[in-house]
């Protein structure tokens, strides 16, 4: 990409898309295109086709997706598979039809088998059974990967697929019912501190291990891959370090300066026992994550406090 390339960021309002947009703007890219979902419904092929036809797009960051935590995945499985299949199919196909130079498709490490060896290597894809609670989302993402590979093979496109680990950062979803674990805990501990609650309940046993990548690090990796990666095979993006959910809760408790107790609710499913990605491949290309979890939590919590104070409710 050069500074005047026409670059489309799909999903620019979300956690990942907004980080990519920030990174592009900070680095001086001047021809950035984006639309809200009300302006452009990516599930509508006619709208997507007209949008690509009218804008001469050269590069695409496909970060638009319907996402959520365990509870949301359990309650809305049809929505997750339908919406994601429609969004990615329309954007990928139109990127081919209208001669986009390169596309980066963002998936998730939930594409890998529930019980695959750790850390997770890219070649473990499709070697076992998926985690049942988010299988509809994972199947949609696997279809997107396969679609990119198939278009590359048949049409000679340059579509790459990156699989980030658990992401957190500015513009995260803070709804307790539909958010991921880190932002949900951040909100729980903050409200417990304000309300002087004696304890905070953490869903599950607290024993699963997870890896957390700041969205600014992910954006940095995405721009790096656009310039340095050409293969059709998936590539992981992560930090290569994980902690238990219990340890994460303790870190957030310390960050928020909450003085109560932490309790666990084992009635809520844990999901995958451990999920940490092997980052040998991307590290070998010359990229590494820079933001520590402690540093990232502090910056995210400062922003959260400002937003919470402004609205009194999220």
Protein backbone atom coordinates (compact mmCIF):
# COMPACT_ATOMS: atom_id res chain seq x y z
CA UNK A 1 0.00 0.00 0.00
CA UNK A 2 1.12 3.55 -0.61
CA UNK A 3 -0.15 6.60 1.26
CA UNK A 4 -2.70 7.43 -1.46
CA UNK A 5 -4.06 3.89 -2.02
CA UNK A 6 -7.84 3.56 -1.77
CA UNK A 7 -8.28 1.46 1.38
CA UNK A 8 -11.60 0.12 2.64
CA UNK A 9 -11.89 -0.81 6.33
CA UNK A 10 -14.98 -2.98 6.75
CA UNK A 11 -16.24 -2.83 10.33
CA UNK A 12 -14.51 0.43 11.22
CA UNK A 13 -16.73 1.08 14.25
CA UNK A 14 -15.83 -2.16 15.99
CA UNK A 15 -12.98 -3.07 18.30
CA UNK A 16 -10.69 -4.36 15.55
CA UNK A 17 -11.77 -2.17 12.64
CA UNK A 18 -11.46 1.04 14.64
CA UNK A 19 -7.92 0.08 15.67
CA UNK A 20 -6.98 -0.59 12.03
CA UNK A 21 -8.46 2.77 11.00
CA UNK A 22 -6.51 4.56 13.76
CA UNK A 23 -3.28 2.88 12.68
CA UNK A 24 -3.80 3.85 9.04
CA UNK A 25 -4.59 7.46 9.94
CA UNK A 26 -1.62 7.72 12.29
CA UNK A 27 0.70 6.50 9.53
CA UNK A 28 -0.50 9.04 7.00
CA UNK A 29 -2.79 7.04 4.72
CA UNK A 30 -5.08 9.63 3.17
CA UNK A 31 -7.62 7.75 1.05
CA UNK A 32 -9.55 5.71 3.59
CA UNK A 33 -13.11 4.52 2.94
CA UNK A 34 -15.57 3.25 5.52
CA UNK A 35 -19.31 3.03 6.05
CA UNK A 36 -21.54 2.37 9.04
CA UNK A 37 -23.90 -0.59 8.91
CA UNK A 38 -26.82 1.81 8.42
CA UNK A 39 -25.08 3.31 5.39
CA UNK A 40 -24.00 -0.03 3.91
CA UNK A 41 -25.53 -3.38 4.88
CA UNK A 42 -22.78 -5.86 4.10
CA UNK A 43 -25.34 -8.67 4.17
CA UNK A 44 -26.95 -7.20 1.04
CA UNK A 45 -25.04 -8.24 -2.08
CA UNK A 46 -26.59 -5.52 -4.24
CA UNK A 47 -25.48 -2.77 -1.86
CA UNK A 48 -21.97 -4.21 -1.54
CA UNK A 49 -21.60 -4.58 -5.30
CA UNK A 50 -22.64 -0.96 -5.95
CA UNK A 51 -20.30 0.26 -3.21
CA UNK A 52 -17.27 -1.50 -4.75
CA UNK A 53 -18.22 -0.40 -8.24
CA UNK A 54 -18.42 3.25 -7.21
CA UNK A 55 -15.22 3.50 -5.15
CA UNK A 56 -12.33 1.84 -7.07
CA UNK A 57 -11.09 0.14 -3.90
CA UNK A 58 -7.50 -1.16 -3.95
CA UNK A 59 -7.09 -2.74 -0.50
CA UNK A 60 -9.59 -4.26 1.93
CA UNK A 61 -9.32 -4.97 5.65
CA UNK A 62 -12.29 -7.26 6.33
CA UNK A 63 -12.88 -6.76 10.06
CA UNK A 64 -16.68 -6.61 9.88
CA UNK A 65 -18.35 -9.50 11.69
CA UNK A 66 -21.03 -10.41 14.18
CA UNK A 67 -19.13 -11.28 17.36
CA UNK A 68 -19.90 -12.08 21.00
CA UNK A 69 -18.98 -14.11 24.04
CA UNK A 70 -20.10 -17.56 25.19
CA UNK A 71 -23.62 -16.52 26.22
CA UNK A 72 -24.32 -14.66 22.97
CA UNK A 73 -23.00 -17.58 20.92
CA UNK A 74 -25.27 -19.99 22.77
CA UNK A 75 -28.39 -17.86 22.43
CA UNK A 76 -28.02 -16.66 18.81
CA UNK A 77 -26.28 -19.44 16.84
CA UNK A 78 -28.34 -18.89 13.67
CA UNK A 79 -27.55 -15.16 13.67
CA UNK A 80 -23.83 -15.81 14.04
CA UNK A 81 -23.52 -18.24 11.15
CA UNK A 82 -25.96 -16.45 8.83
CA UNK A 83 -24.69 -12.89 9.24
CA UNK A 84 -21.02 -13.79 9.09
CA UNK A 85 -21.42 -15.98 6.02
CA UNK A 86 -23.31 -13.23 4.23
CA UNK A 87 -20.91 -10.41 5.19
CA UNK A 88 -17.72 -12.19 4.21
CA UNK A 89 -19.14 -13.81 1.06
CA UNK A 90 -20.31 -10.46 -0.30
CA UNK A 91 -17.09 -8.57 0.49
CA UNK A 92 -14.75 -11.31 -0.73
CA UNK A 93 -16.66 -11.90 -3.96
CA UNK A 94 -16.92 -8.18 -4.77
CA UNK A 95 -13.23 -7.72 -3.99
CA UNK A 96 -12.53 -10.25 -6.71
CA UNK A 97 -15.08 -8.90 -9.19
CA UNK A 98 -13.86 -5.32 -8.87
CA UNK A 99 -10.14 -6.17 -8.94
CA UNK A 100 -9.05 -5.31 -5.41
CA UNK A 101 -5.26 -5.64 -5.21
CA UNK A 102 -5.19 -7.33 -1.81
CA UNK A 103 -7.62 -8.31 0.96
CA UNK A 104 -6.96 -9.25 4.58
CA UNK A 105 -9.66 -11.47 6.08
CA UNK A 106 -9.75 -11.53 9.87
CA UNK A 107 -10.98 -14.66 11.58
CA UNK A 108 -10.49 -15.91 15.11
CA UNK A 109 -8.61 -18.64 16.94
CA UNK A 110 -11.97 -20.29 17.68
CA UNK A 111 -11.57 -21.88 14.22
CA UNK A 112 -9.20 -24.40 15.80
CA UNK A 113 -10.33 -27.66 17.46
CA UNK A 114 -11.41 -27.43 21.10
CA UNK A 115 -8.81 -29.91 22.32
CA UNK A 116 -5.96 -29.37 19.87
CA UNK A 117 -2.36 -29.31 21.16
CA UNK A 118 -1.10 -26.08 22.73
CA UNK A 119 0.23 -23.67 21.64
CA UNK A 120 -1.98 -23.77 18.55
CA UNK A 121 -0.14 -24.06 15.26
CA UNK A 122 -1.78 -22.97 12.00
CA UNK A 123 -1.71 -26.52 10.65
CA UNK A 124 -4.09 -27.70 13.42
CA UNK A 125 -7.03 -26.22 11.48
CA UNK A 126 -9.68 -28.87 10.69
CA UNK A 127 -7.92 -31.61 12.68
CA UNK A 128 -10.63 -32.05 15.34
CA UNK A 129 -14.01 -31.08 16.81
CA UNK A 130 -14.80 -27.42 17.42
CA UNK A 131 -15.84 -25.92 20.74
CA UNK A 132 -19.67 -26.42 20.65
CA UNK A 133 -20.60 -23.04 22.15
CA UNK A 134 -19.13 -21.06 19.24
CA UNK A 135 -19.16 -23.63 16.43
CA UNK A 136 -21.58 -21.62 14.20
CA UNK A 137 -19.26 -18.59 14.29
CA UNK A 138 -16.18 -20.77 13.79
CA UNK A 139 -17.70 -22.61 10.82
CA UNK A 140 -18.51 -19.28 9.18
CA UNK A 141 -14.92 -18.11 9.64
CA UNK A 142 -13.53 -21.39 8.29
CA UNK A 143 -15.75 -20.90 5.24
CA UNK A 144 -14.26 -17.41 4.81
CA UNK A 145 -10.72 -18.79 4.93
CA UNK A 146 -11.60 -21.49 2.40
CA UNK A 147 -13.25 -18.88 0.18
CA UNK A 148 -10.11 -16.71 0.17
CA UNK A 149 -7.96 -19.74 -0.66
CA UNK A 150 -10.33 -20.84 -3.41
CA UNK A 151 -10.45 -17.41 -5.04
CA UNK A 152 -6.65 -17.24 -4.93
CA UNK A 153 -6.42 -20.60 -6.65
CA UNK A 154 -9.09 -19.99 -9.28
CA UNK A 155 -8.79 -16.25 -9.95
CA UNK A 156 -5.24 -15.40 -8.87
CA UNK A 157 -6.37 -12.98 -6.17
CA UNK A 158 -4.18 -11.92 -3.24
CA UNK A 159 -6.49 -12.69 -0.31
CA UNK A 160 -4.81 -13.50 3.02
CA UNK A 161 -6.34 -14.75 6.28
CA UNK A 162 -5.15 -13.86 9.78
CA UNK A 163 -6.35 -15.47 13.01
CA UNK A 164 -6.00 -13.18 16.06
CA UNK A 165 -6.22 -14.43 19.61
CA UNK A 166 -8.55 -12.78 22.20
CA UNK A 167 -8.62 -9.03 21.54
CA UNK A 168 -9.29 -6.14 23.92
CA UNK A 169 -8.95 -2.38 23.64
CA UNK A 170 -10.82 0.87 22.89
CA UNK A 171 -14.37 0.55 21.48
CA UNK A 172 -14.87 -2.87 23.03
CA UNK A 173 -18.34 -4.24 23.70
CA UNK A 174 -19.12 -3.73 27.41
CA UNK A 175 -22.57 -5.33 27.50
CA UNK A 176 -22.45 -7.99 30.22
CA UNK A 177 -24.63 -10.40 28.23
CA UNK A 178 -22.85 -10.27 24.87
CA UNK A 179 -19.27 -9.14 25.58
CA UNK A 180 -16.09 -11.17 25.86
CA UNK A 181 -14.51 -12.01 29.20
CA UNK A 182 -12.04 -9.14 29.67
CA UNK A 183 -14.38 -6.17 29.06
CA UNK A 184 -17.15 -7.92 30.99
CA UNK A 185 -14.89 -8.33 34.02
CA UNK A 186 -13.66 -4.74 33.73
CA UNK A 187 -17.21 -3.47 33.93
CA UNK A 188 -18.16 -5.88 36.74
CA UNK A 189 -15.25 -4.83 38.94
CA UNK A 190 -15.76 -1.13 38.26
CA UNK A 191 -19.45 -1.28 39.16
CA UNK A 192 -18.70 -3.40 42.22
CA UNK A 193 -16.24 -0.74 43.39
CA UNK A 194 -18.77 2.07 42.84
CA UNK A 195 -21.58 0.15 44.54
CA UNK A 196 -19.29 -1.16 47.30
CA UNK A 197 -20.34 -4.71 46.56
CA UNK A 198 -18.65 -7.30 48.78
CA UNK A 199 -17.79 -9.63 45.90
CA UNK A 200 -17.60 -10.00 42.13
CA UNK A 201 -18.81 -13.17 40.44
CA UNK A 202 -16.64 -14.53 37.62
CA UNK A 203 -18.40 -16.90 35.23
CA UNK A 204 -16.99 -20.42 35.07
CA UNK A 205 -14.36 -22.08 37.23
CA UNK A 206 -11.59 -19.55 36.58
CA UNK A 207 -9.21 -22.29 35.41
CA UNK A 208 -9.30 -21.92 31.58
CA UNK A 209 -6.21 -20.25 30.17
CA UNK A 210 -6.48 -17.42 27.66
CA UNK A 211 -4.17 -15.10 25.73
CA UNK A 212 -5.01 -11.40 25.32
CA UNK A 213 -3.81 -9.08 22.55
CA UNK A 214 -4.37 -5.31 22.56
CA UNK A 215 -6.27 -4.10 19.49
CA UNK A 216 -3.52 -1.59 18.67
CA UNK A 217 -1.02 -4.45 18.47
CA UNK A 218 -3.44 -6.36 16.25
CA UNK A 219 -3.82 -3.35 13.94
CA UNK A 220 -0.05 -3.03 13.73
CA UNK A 221 0.15 -6.71 12.77
CA UNK A 222 -2.56 -6.33 10.11
CA UNK A 223 -0.74 -3.48 8.39
CA UNK A 224 2.49 -5.44 8.62
CA UNK A 225 0.89 -8.50 7.00
CA UNK A 226 -0.53 -6.41 4.17
CA UNK A 227 3.05 -5.49 3.30
CA UNK A 228 4.87 -8.72 4.15
CA UNK A 229 2.60 -11.75 3.76
CA UNK A 230 1.34 -13.36 0.54
CA UNK A 231 0.54 -17.02 1.31
CA UNK A 232 -2.98 -18.47 1.22
CA UNK A 233 -2.44 -20.39 4.46
CA UNK A 234 -3.76 -18.82 7.66
CA UNK A 235 -1.39 -16.99 9.98
CA UNK A 236 -1.84 -16.51 13.73
CA UNK A 237 -1.60 -13.14 15.49
CA UNK A 238 -0.94 -13.25 19.22
CA UNK A 239 1.49 -12.58 22.04
CA UNK A 240 2.47 -16.17 22.82
CA UNK A 241 1.70 -15.80 26.57
CA UNK A 242 -1.47 -16.86 28.42
CA UNK A 243 -2.99 -16.61 31.92
CA UNK A 244 -5.95 -18.22 33.70
CA UNK A 245 -9.29 -16.41 33.90
CA UNK A 246 -8.79 -16.35 37.65
CA UNK A 247 -5.44 -14.59 37.20
CA UNK A 248 -7.04 -12.15 34.76
CA UNK A 249 -9.74 -11.36 37.34
CA UNK A 250 -7.05 -10.69 39.94
CA UNK A 251 -5.21 -8.34 37.55
CA UNK A 252 -8.40 -6.43 36.79
CA UNK A 253 -9.26 -6.26 40.49
CA UNK A 254 -5.86 -4.67 41.10
CA UNK A 255 -6.20 -2.33 38.11
CA UNK A 256 -9.62 -1.09 39.29
CA UNK A 257 -8.45 -0.97 42.93
CA UNK A 258 -11.42 -3.04 44.08
CA UNK A 259 -11.14 -4.38 47.63
CA UNK A 260 -13.85 -7.07 47.71
CA UNK A 261 -13.70 -10.80 47.05
CA UNK A 262 -13.70 -12.77 43.80
CA UNK A 263 -16.12 -15.69 43.51
CA UNK A 264 -16.55 -18.19 40.67
CA UNK A 265 -19.73 -19.66 39.17
CA UNK A 266 -18.94 -23.14 37.77
CA UNK A 267 -22.53 -23.46 36.47
CA UNK A 268 -21.52 -21.25 33.53
CA UNK A 269 -19.57 -23.24 30.88
CA UNK A 270 -15.83 -22.66 30.69
CA UNK A 271 -15.46 -23.19 26.95
CA UNK A 272 -12.08 -24.33 25.66
CA UNK A 273 -9.73 -25.36 28.53
CA UNK A 274 -6.75 -23.54 27.04
CA UNK A 275 -6.21 -21.35 24.00
CA UNK A 276 -2.82 -19.89 23.18
CA UNK A 277 -1.51 -19.50 19.65
CA UNK A 278 1.87 -20.40 18.27
CA UNK A 279 3.29 -17.14 16.91
CA UNK A 280 6.44 -18.62 15.38
CA UNK A 281 5.22 -17.88 11.86
CA UNK A 282 4.44 -14.18 12.29
CA UNK A 283 7.47 -13.62 14.52
CA UNK A 284 9.57 -15.15 11.74
CA UNK A 285 8.26 -12.46 9.37
CA UNK A 286 9.60 -9.81 11.74
CA UNK A 287 6.52 -8.83 13.79
CA UNK A 288 6.00 -9.11 17.57
CA UNK A 289 3.40 -7.75 20.00
CA UNK A 290 4.58 -4.78 22.07
CA UNK A 291 1.84 -3.94 24.61
CA UNK A 292 1.88 -5.91 27.88
CA UNK A 293 -1.43 -6.98 29.43
CA UNK A 294 -0.82 -4.82 32.51
CA UNK A 295 -0.09 -1.75 30.37
CA UNK A 296 -3.04 -2.46 28.09
CA UNK A 297 -5.46 -2.89 31.00
CA UNK A 298 -4.44 0.43 32.51
CA UNK A 299 -5.05 2.34 29.26
CA UNK A 300 -8.37 0.59 28.58
CA UNK A 301 -9.59 1.21 32.12
CA UNK A 302 -8.78 4.92 31.91
CA UNK A 303 -10.91 5.22 28.78
CA UNK A 304 -13.66 3.11 30.38
CA UNK A 305 -13.78 5.44 33.39
CA UNK A 306 -14.18 8.49 31.14
CA UNK A 307 -17.01 6.88 29.19
CA UNK A 308 -18.71 5.58 32.31
CA UNK A 309 -18.56 8.96 34.02
CA UNK A 310 -20.02 10.64 30.92
CA UNK A 311 -22.94 8.28 30.58
CA UNK A 312 -23.43 6.80 34.07
CA UNK A 313 -24.51 3.71 32.20
CA UNK A 314 -23.04 1.65 29.37
